[in-house]
């Protein structure tokens, strides 16, 4: 199936959106699903002939030809019975098709995302919105395409009804102009609903923010203390009224459109029925009643068919944007040899600005990270420490400047964990050793990483040890504290550190107690000493106690290098780092 799907994607570049959409739909149809959908489609369209069947049963004629009355009765009963039996089966087939398409497209999206080297691409606003929609439900595109298919069937039914009605009674041609306002009213009402939903989005965000604030433990107490409860309620009610006004306005317009189109339609139906009655054609009058009401019922659903078709097109275009735009963001890193043999990597005049930010996060940073060293990067919040770490790790591309590595044979392996490690809701063992499953694994320092980070103590204390299921995703979950999650994340970061040129640990002690902090810094020191390739460990920290134990310190201030060098040398001179340490010792004493 995936080979067929890849062929679909490659051919979509040579074909139009409609053609590639059909290829995607058909390419994921299994034979049983195709048979069920085909039979269900034929039976659904066959319901459009119900009025004809009733007319045959009453008059015994079809197109002025004699037909046995039991034929009409049998047709009605057989089609209705088969639809009742096949309906649940078709629903299951639709669901299976949705998941097949969803699984195939999600796999393609994952492959596209895997090609991205830099986080900058994933922060593109349009791509973030598209990915968020797909992340909300795994089968969103598959469901949209499956519902779009059934919507097309819904649109075919009124055409068959009208055709059979005209063949029976030419006066039904008068229904053609009557159908137009009904269809237009339904589609326009749906467009009004879409616009209302878009207009409500900003108010929805504001309501969610207020509700989130009110749900915090201290919110209700503060409102009572300040006497601001009535203000809060009135502000919330004002936003709710504004939020609801968009929907009420759209619904009012939709009701008026529906009433007007309904009146025009049934006025013409009355004229057709009157013509049959005055002609003493009882069967024709009954046929007119059945056909007109069935036609109107189907036409009323056109608005929903329009919604399903529009949604399937929207979701498919969203999918196409992801799989075509994301690979263009992937860039191969160029490696260069550097003359300074004492450094694994050199950053020269590196600057970086986040999208839509007027102030650069890094500004002309020039540093050489010494090999076989414990390096501390310190600075206040917002000074650019984590951004510098991401530049070194190669997940962000400098806006200006160069990053040069000592390796010329292969892409350097950089180990480490981000500032906020993900809380993978897996078993404890899987959470702590996830990197073993990557392209660089398996690693040989599993036990060392577990002990150095303290993760072995966390895992050993769990009810089922490494098999304990963590997080909310399980039926019997086990909750960890922030510090315990941090230890598991630190264990992941230390895996492979003995083989890495650089190991970056971003704020490793932020959720740890002082004893765990000392163990973590000791572990970083052991990684340096036991490295098989002269690797270094970069610790991003705001704790001076950790920085003073390093071999080399880089201090950032507002995105610039304020000081760098060996701690003992910096402390002997007058610079921002020595001044900060002096002030810290005074407060400590």
Foldseek 3Di string as FASTA:
>chain_A
DLVQLVVLVVCCVVDPPVVSLVSLLVVLDDPVLVVLVVVLLVLLLLVLCLLVLLLCLVPCDDLNHGHDNVVSVVSNVVSVVVCVVSVVVNVVSLVVQLLSSLVSLVVLLVVLLVLALACQLVPPVLLVVLVVVCVVDSSQLSNLSSLLVVLVSLVSNLVSNLVSLCSVPVLSVVLVVLLVLLLVLLQVLLVLVVVLVVVLVVLVVVLVVLVVQCPDPCNVVVCVVVVCPVVSVVVNVVSVVVSVVSVVVSVVSSVVSNVVSVVSNVVSLVVQLVVCVVVVNPSSNSSSVVSSVVSSVSSNCNSVSVVSNVSSSVSSVSSVCSSPVSNVNRDDDAADADPPPQAFKWWAQFWACRPPDPATLAGGATDGHGFLWAEEEAEDPSLNLQVVVCVQQSNHPTPDTDMYGNDRPDDFDEFEAHQQHDQDQAFLLCLLAVCQPDPPHDFDCLVLLCVLLVLQVVQVPDPVRSRAGDDDPDPDHDYDDPSNSLSSRSSRRCGCLLAGQEREYEASCPPHDPVSVVSNLVSQNVSSVNRPPRHYYYYYHHDVVSNLVIQKYFYGGSNYTQDIDGNVVVCVDDTPVVVVVVVVVVVVD
